[in-house]
Amino acid sequence: MAASHSGRAAGPTKPYPAGRIVRAGNTIVGVLIRAGLIPRGYLLTTRGRKSGRLRTQPVALVEHEGRRWLVAPYGAVSWVLNARAAGKVILRRRFTTRAYTIRELAPMEAGPVLKRYVGFSAPARPYFQATRDSPVEDFIAEAGRHPVFELTPLDGDPWSAVSQAA
């Protein structure tokens, strides 16, 4: 394994523990996001690439200079695979629902976004080898393990946009 700039070995990330406890936690966080009580918190909805069913989970966005990015801190989990397949997602917060097209970033573009994300998302930090104080180069090296998507708003009814993605 190659060493990162911080001297730590670049290897696989800590596995994400999907299960009953995580789902219960996501339900609680979802209620708080709907109420607008979690800064940067949104509910992400994707259409299942196999089932066709709508899937929703909480996410945190990186927002900077009028642009928005969606970070997958736990790697290529189900929502990432569903979003890649559809090319579209829906984000909800309080009373606002909006559809977006997505574009997955190359590592050079993703590195600075990942650094910003780790700066504010304490729960996701154990899944990164780079730390808040690491240089951007360390995040570029990790970008292949943490997909980042740039969000571009779609006009019209967000639910019809996701329905068409099936």
Protein backbone atom coordinates (compact mmCIF):
# COMPACT_ATOMS: atom_id res chain seq x y z
CA MET A 1 0.00 0.00 0.00
CA ALA A 2 1.23 3.48 -0.82
CA ALA A 3 1.69 5.99 1.96
CA SER A 4 -0.35 9.17 1.93
CA HIS A 5 1.17 12.62 2.46
CA SER A 6 0.37 12.34 6.15
CA GLY A 7 2.42 9.15 6.34
CA ARG A 8 -0.57 6.85 6.84
CA ALA A 9 -1.04 3.86 4.57
CA ALA A 10 -3.65 4.39 1.86
CA GLY A 11 -5.94 1.37 2.05
CA PRO A 12 -9.56 0.40 2.35
CA THR A 13 -11.84 2.49 4.48
CA LYS A 14 -13.53 1.26 7.63
CA PRO A 15 -16.63 -0.76 6.59
CA TYR A 16 -19.99 0.93 7.01
CA PRO A 17 -22.12 -0.98 9.55
CA ALA A 18 -25.53 -1.15 7.86
CA GLY A 19 -28.10 -2.75 10.08
CA ARG A 20 -31.02 -2.23 12.43
CA ILE A 21 -29.26 0.33 14.62
CA VAL A 22 -28.13 2.40 11.64
CA ARG A 23 -31.64 2.34 10.14
CA ALA A 24 -33.15 3.43 13.47
CA GLY A 25 -30.59 6.24 13.72
CA ASN A 26 -31.35 7.32 10.15
CA THR A 27 -35.07 7.44 11.00
CA ILE A 28 -34.41 9.74 13.95
CA VAL A 29 -32.05 11.94 11.93
CA GLY A 30 -34.66 12.05 9.14
CA VAL A 31 -37.25 13.49 11.53
CA LEU A 32 -34.76 16.14 12.66
CA ILE A 33 -33.90 17.02 9.04
CA ARG A 34 -37.59 17.33 8.13
CA ALA A 35 -37.89 19.80 11.01
CA GLY A 36 -34.85 21.72 9.72
CA LEU A 37 -32.86 21.10 12.91
CA ILE A 38 -29.71 19.62 11.36
CA PRO A 39 -27.50 22.10 9.50
CA ARG A 40 -26.52 20.87 6.01
CA GLY A 41 -28.87 17.89 6.48
CA TYR A 42 -31.10 16.73 3.62
CA LEU A 43 -33.14 13.66 2.82
CA LEU A 44 -31.83 12.06 -0.36
CA THR A 45 -34.24 9.99 -2.45
CA THR A 46 -33.07 7.66 -5.21
CA ARG A 47 -34.89 5.05 -7.24
CA GLY A 48 -33.67 1.51 -6.59
CA ARG A 49 -31.74 0.35 -9.65
CA LYS A 50 -33.12 -3.20 -9.26
CA SER A 51 -36.38 -2.83 -7.33
CA GLY A 52 -37.54 0.48 -8.82
CA ARG A 53 -38.69 1.53 -5.33
CA LEU A 54 -37.91 4.95 -3.93
CA ARG A 55 -35.20 4.85 -1.23
CA THR A 56 -34.58 7.71 1.19
CA GLN A 57 -31.70 8.34 3.59
CA PRO A 58 -30.18 11.35 5.34
CA VAL A 59 -27.15 13.05 3.79
CA ALA A 60 -25.12 16.19 4.36
CA LEU A 61 -24.25 18.48 1.47
CA VAL A 62 -21.14 20.49 0.85
CA GLU A 63 -22.18 23.97 -0.28
CA HIS A 64 -19.67 26.57 -1.46
CA GLU A 65 -19.97 29.65 -3.67
CA GLY A 66 -23.44 28.69 -4.90
CA ARG A 67 -22.47 25.12 -5.83
CA ARG A 68 -23.57 21.90 -4.12
CA TRP A 69 -21.95 18.50 -3.82
CA LEU A 70 -23.15 15.20 -2.46
CA VAL A 71 -20.47 13.12 -0.71
CA ALA A 72 -20.56 9.37 -0.12
CA PRO A 73 -18.41 9.08 3.01
CA TYR A 74 -19.07 5.34 3.36
CA GLY A 75 -18.06 4.43 -0.18
CA ALA A 76 -20.18 2.98 -2.98
CA VAL A 77 -23.19 2.11 -0.80
CA SER A 78 -26.65 1.46 -2.28
CA TRP A 79 -27.66 5.09 -2.71
CA VAL A 80 -24.46 5.74 -4.69
CA LEU A 81 -25.15 2.82 -7.04
CA ASN A 82 -28.78 3.92 -7.43
CA ALA A 83 -27.80 7.55 -8.11
CA ARG A 84 -25.18 6.49 -10.68
CA ALA A 85 -27.75 4.30 -12.46
CA ALA A 86 -30.43 7.01 -12.54
CA GLY A 87 -28.25 10.08 -13.02
CA LYS A 88 -30.77 11.96 -10.88
CA VAL A 89 -31.64 12.40 -7.21
CA ILE A 90 -34.16 14.27 -5.07
CA LEU A 91 -33.25 16.31 -2.01
CA ARG A 92 -35.74 17.40 0.66
CA ARG A 93 -35.36 19.73 3.59
CA ARG A 94 -38.25 21.15 5.55
CA PHE A 95 -40.83 22.25 2.95
CA THR A 96 -38.53 22.24 -0.07
CA THR A 97 -38.15 19.34 -2.49
CA ARG A 98 -35.91 19.60 -5.55
CA ALA A 99 -34.58 17.22 -8.21
CA TYR A 100 -30.98 17.32 -9.40
CA THR A 101 -28.89 15.73 -12.09
CA ILE A 102 -25.57 14.43 -10.83
CA ARG A 103 -22.05 14.39 -12.21
CA GLU A 104 -19.44 12.28 -10.47
CA LEU A 105 -16.21 14.18 -9.91
CA ALA A 106 -12.72 13.07 -10.84
CA PRO A 107 -10.30 12.76 -7.88
CA MET A 108 -8.63 16.15 -8.52
CA GLU A 109 -12.04 17.87 -8.32
CA ALA A 110 -13.30 15.70 -5.46
CA GLY A 111 -10.30 16.24 -3.13
CA PRO A 112 -11.15 19.82 -2.05
CA VAL A 113 -14.83 18.88 -1.59
CA LEU A 114 -13.89 15.89 0.59
CA LYS A 115 -11.65 18.11 2.70
CA ARG A 116 -14.54 20.53 3.29
CA TYR A 117 -16.84 17.61 4.12
CA VAL A 118 -14.49 16.12 6.72
CA GLY A 119 -14.15 19.61 8.21
CA PHE A 120 -17.81 19.66 9.30
CA SER A 121 -18.94 16.02 9.37
CA ALA A 122 -17.59 14.53 12.60
CA PRO A 123 -19.59 11.25 12.31
CA ALA A 124 -17.94 10.45 8.95
CA ARG A 125 -14.34 11.16 9.99
CA PRO A 126 -13.56 7.56 11.11
CA TYR A 127 -14.25 6.43 7.53
CA PHE A 128 -11.47 8.64 6.15
CA GLN A 129 -7.74 8.15 6.49
CA ALA A 130 -7.11 11.86 5.93
CA THR A 131 -7.86 14.17 8.85
CA ARG A 132 -9.30 17.69 8.97
CA ASP A 133 -5.75 19.02 9.00
CA SER A 134 -4.45 16.84 6.14
CA PRO A 135 -3.49 18.51 2.86
CA VAL A 136 -5.87 18.34 -0.10
CA GLU A 137 -3.52 15.82 -1.73
CA ASP A 138 -4.46 13.25 0.92
CA PHE A 139 -8.13 13.71 0.06
CA ILE A 140 -7.40 13.41 -3.66
CA ALA A 141 -5.71 10.08 -2.87
CA GLU A 142 -8.89 8.95 -1.03
CA ALA A 143 -11.35 10.18 -3.65
CA GLY A 144 -11.69 6.75 -5.27
CA ARG A 145 -13.13 5.40 -2.00
CA HIS A 146 -15.54 8.31 -1.35
CA PRO A 147 -17.56 9.24 -4.46
CA VAL A 148 -18.49 12.91 -4.83
CA PHE A 149 -21.30 14.18 -7.06
CA GLU A 150 -21.89 17.73 -8.23
CA LEU A 151 -25.59 18.61 -8.14
CA THR A 152 -27.30 20.60 -10.90
CA PRO A 153 -30.94 21.60 -10.25
CA LEU A 154 -33.64 20.27 -12.59
CA ASP A 155 -36.72 22.34 -13.40
CA GLY A 156 -40.24 21.03 -12.91
CA ASP A 157 -41.78 18.43 -10.65
CA PRO A 158 -39.00 16.61 -8.78
CA TRP A 159 -40.99 13.40 -8.35
CA SER A 160 -41.67 13.08 -12.07
CA ALA A 161 -37.93 13.53 -12.72
CA VAL A 162 -37.11 10.52 -10.53
CA SER A 163 -40.03 8.52 -11.95
CA GLN A 164 -38.60 8.98 -15.45
CA ALA A 165 -35.23 7.66 -14.24
CA ALA A 166 -36.61 4.15 -13.67
